[in-house]
Amino acid sequence: MCSATAANAREGDYCSPDQARICTWTDVNYQGSQWDHDYAMPSGECIGLVVGVLSVKNRVYIAQRFWENLNCTGRNVLVFHNQDVPAFEFVVHGWGGI
């Protein structure tokens, strides 16, 4: 179960390295609707995202994988701890542990 919450306008430090969360946006360059997840997805698990996202900041302490399809298939990108991805090459619909 995803415990994401929609975020309104926030200060720039909301997704700072000490926040331990995954921050996703529906548009490139951290624009559009923001969804935050305050946990890491465990290894081998995967969920479909409520909305497709195009940018992410990983502030949890392990790498996470973001997938093109809801069932975590198709193209994917591994995003490491404290890595920012301002623009995926595809709309992300799945998120899982490595």
C-alpha atoms as a PDB file:
ATOM      1  CA  MET A   1       0.000   0.000   0.000  1.00  0.00           C
ATOM      2  CA  CYS A   2       1.393   3.363  -0.966  1.00  0.00           C
ATOM      3  CA  SER A   3       1.242   6.050   1.691  1.00  0.00           C
ATOM      4  CA  ALA A   4       1.823   8.902  -0.709  1.00  0.00           C
ATOM      5  CA  THR A   5       0.401  12.295   0.027  1.00  0.00           C
ATOM      6  CA  ALA A   6      -0.181  15.054  -2.466  1.00  0.00           C
ATOM      7  CA  ALA A   7       1.997  18.034  -1.727  1.00  0.00           C
ATOM      8  CA  ASN A   8       1.188  21.652  -2.337  1.00  0.00           C
ATOM      9  CA  ALA A   9       3.857  24.303  -2.796  1.00  0.00           C
ATOM     10  CA  ARG A  10       6.724  23.511  -0.421  1.00  0.00           C
ATOM     11  CA  GLU A  11      10.010  25.058   0.537  1.00  0.00           C
ATOM     12  CA  GLY A  12      12.998  23.900  -1.506  1.00  0.00           C
ATOM     13  CA  ASP A  13      14.453  21.973   1.447  1.00  0.00           C
ATOM     14  CA  TYR A  14      11.393  19.732   1.836  1.00  0.00           C
ATOM     15  CA  CYS A  15      13.132  16.962  -0.080  1.00  0.00           C
ATOM     16  CA  SER A  16      16.596  17.654   1.315  1.00  0.00           C
ATOM     17  CA  PRO A  17      19.017  14.767   1.939  1.00  0.00           C
ATOM     18  CA  ASP A  18      18.056  14.498   5.619  1.00  0.00           C
ATOM     19  CA  GLN A  19      14.340  14.000   4.893  1.00  0.00           C
ATOM     20  CA  ALA A  20      14.526  10.227   4.088  1.00  0.00           C
ATOM     21  CA  ARG A  21      11.773  10.137   1.487  1.00  0.00           C
ATOM     22  CA  ILE A  22      11.151   9.638  -2.203  1.00  0.00           C
ATOM     23  CA  CYS A  23       9.817  12.793  -3.871  1.00  0.00           C
ATOM     24  CA  THR A  24       8.169  12.506  -7.292  1.00  0.00           C
ATOM     25  CA  TRP A  25       6.686  15.075  -9.667  1.00  0.00           C
ATOM     26  CA  THR A  26       4.327  14.729 -12.616  1.00  0.00           C
ATOM     27  CA  ASP A  27       6.403  17.058 -14.815  1.00  0.00           C
ATOM     28  CA  VAL A  28      10.101  17.424 -15.590  1.00  0.00           C
ATOM     29  CA  ASN A  29      12.392  19.628 -13.494  1.00  0.00           C
ATOM     30  CA  TYR A  30      10.424  18.984 -10.289  1.00  0.00           C
ATOM     31  CA  GLN A  31       7.303  20.747 -11.532  1.00  0.00           C
ATOM     32  CA  GLY A  32       3.644  19.761 -11.534  1.00  0.00           C
ATOM     33  CA  SER A  33       1.943  17.758  -8.807  1.00  0.00           C
ATOM     34  CA  GLN A  34       4.294  16.386  -6.156  1.00  0.00           C
ATOM     35  CA  TRP A  35       3.836  13.027  -4.420  1.00  0.00           C
ATOM     36  CA  ASP A  36       6.022  12.081  -1.479  1.00  0.00           C
ATOM     37  CA  HIS A  37       6.673   8.619  -0.089  1.00  0.00           C
ATOM     38  CA  ASP A  38       8.246   8.403   3.351  1.00  0.00           C
ATOM     39  CA  TYR A  39       9.738   4.925   3.003  1.00  0.00           C
ATOM     40  CA  ALA A  40      11.927   2.821   0.722  1.00  0.00           C
ATOM     41  CA  MET A  41      10.390   0.051  -1.329  1.00  0.00           C
ATOM     42  CA  PRO A  42      11.916  -3.263  -0.122  1.00  0.00           C
ATOM     43  CA  SER A  43      13.994  -5.381  -2.473  1.00  0.00           C
ATOM     44  CA  GLY A  44      11.838  -7.500  -4.766  1.00  0.00           C
ATOM     45  CA  GLU A  45       8.651  -5.502  -4.173  1.00  0.00           C
ATOM     46  CA  CYS A  46       6.938  -3.202  -6.630  1.00  0.00           C
ATOM     47  CA  ILE A  47       3.862  -0.996  -6.782  1.00  0.00           C
ATOM     48  CA  GLY A  48       2.082   0.909  -9.495  1.00  0.00           C
ATOM     49  CA  LEU A  49       2.046   4.656  -8.939  1.00  0.00           C
ATOM     50  CA  VAL A  50      -1.241   6.541  -8.646  1.00  0.00           C
ATOM     51  CA  VAL A  51      -0.080   8.999 -11.313  1.00  0.00           C
ATOM     52  CA  GLY A  52       2.740   8.874 -13.842  1.00  0.00           C
ATOM     53  CA  VAL A  53       5.810  10.885 -12.874  1.00  0.00           C
ATOM     54  CA  LEU A  54       8.608  12.494 -14.857  1.00  0.00           C
ATOM     55  CA  SER A  55      11.095  13.598 -12.170  1.00  0.00           C
ATOM     56  CA  VAL A  56      12.257  12.209  -8.831  1.00  0.00           C
ATOM     57  CA  LYS A  57      14.584  12.810  -5.892  1.00  0.00           C
ATOM     58  CA  ASN A  58      15.701   9.778  -3.878  1.00  0.00           C
ATOM     59  CA  ARG A  59      16.355  10.681  -0.245  1.00  0.00           C
ATOM     60  CA  VAL A  60      15.930   7.210   1.262  1.00  0.00           C
ATOM     61  CA  TYR A  61      19.098   5.338   2.136  1.00  0.00           C
ATOM     62  CA  ILE A  62      19.021   2.701  -0.598  1.00  0.00           C
ATOM     63  CA  ALA A  63      18.707   2.721  -4.368  1.00  0.00           C
ATOM     64  CA  GLN A  64      15.214   2.444  -5.842  1.00  0.00           C
ATOM     65  CA  ARG A  65      14.113   1.383  -9.332  1.00  0.00           C
ATOM     66  CA  PHE A  66      11.522   3.288 -11.368  1.00  0.00           C
ATOM     67  CA  TRP A  67       9.676   1.486 -14.154  1.00  0.00           C
ATOM     68  CA  GLU A  68       7.804   2.447 -17.291  1.00  0.00           C
ATOM     69  CA  ASN A  69       4.812   0.177 -16.602  1.00  0.00           C
ATOM     70  CA  LEU A  70       2.471  -0.266 -13.630  1.00  0.00           C
ATOM     71  CA  ASN A  71       3.547  -3.900 -13.171  1.00  0.00           C
ATOM     72  CA  CYS A  72       7.232  -2.907 -13.035  1.00  0.00           C
ATOM     73  CA  THR A  73       8.130  -4.029 -16.532  1.00  0.00           C
ATOM     74  CA  GLY A  74       9.549  -2.198 -19.515  1.00  0.00           C
ATOM     75  CA  ARG A  75      12.267   0.405 -19.385  1.00  0.00           C
ATOM     76  CA  ASN A  76      13.607   1.248 -15.951  1.00  0.00           C
ATOM     77  CA  VAL A  77      16.072   3.506 -14.178  1.00  0.00           C
ATOM     78  CA  LEU A  78      17.977   2.762 -10.979  1.00  0.00           C
ATOM     79  CA  VAL A  79      18.083   5.880  -8.778  1.00  0.00           C
ATOM     80  CA  PHE A  80      20.695   5.884  -6.032  1.00  0.00           C
ATOM     81  CA  HIS A  81      20.589   7.521  -2.579  1.00  0.00           C
ATOM     82  CA  ASN A  82      20.625  11.331  -2.894  1.00  0.00           C
ATOM     83  CA  GLN A  83      20.372  11.133  -6.685  1.00  0.00           C
ATOM     84  CA  ASP A  84      18.067  13.556  -8.505  1.00  0.00           C
ATOM     85  CA  VAL A  85      16.479  12.773 -11.868  1.00  0.00           C
ATOM     86  CA  PRO A  86      15.079  15.999 -13.363  1.00  0.00           C
ATOM     87  CA  ALA A  87      13.650  14.281 -16.460  1.00  0.00           C
ATOM     88  CA  PHE A  88      13.046  10.583 -17.093  1.00  0.00           C
ATOM     89  CA  GLU A  89      13.094   9.496 -20.749  1.00  0.00           C
ATOM     90  CA  PHE A  90       9.658   7.904 -20.233  1.00  0.00           C
ATOM     91  CA  VAL A  91       6.682   8.376 -17.930  1.00  0.00           C
ATOM     92  CA  VAL A  92       7.242   6.334 -14.764  1.00  0.00           C
ATOM     93  CA  HIS A  93       4.283   4.211 -13.628  1.00  0.00           C
ATOM     94  CA  GLY A  94       5.998   1.668 -11.347  1.00  0.00           C
ATOM     95  CA  TRP A  95       8.357   1.882  -8.382  1.00  0.00           C
ATOM     96  CA  GLY A  96      10.234  -0.908  -6.659  1.00  0.00           C
ATOM     97  CA  GLY A  97      13.205  -1.980  -4.605  1.00  0.00           C
ATOM     98  CA  ILE A  98      16.270  -3.459  -6.243  1.00  0.00           C
END
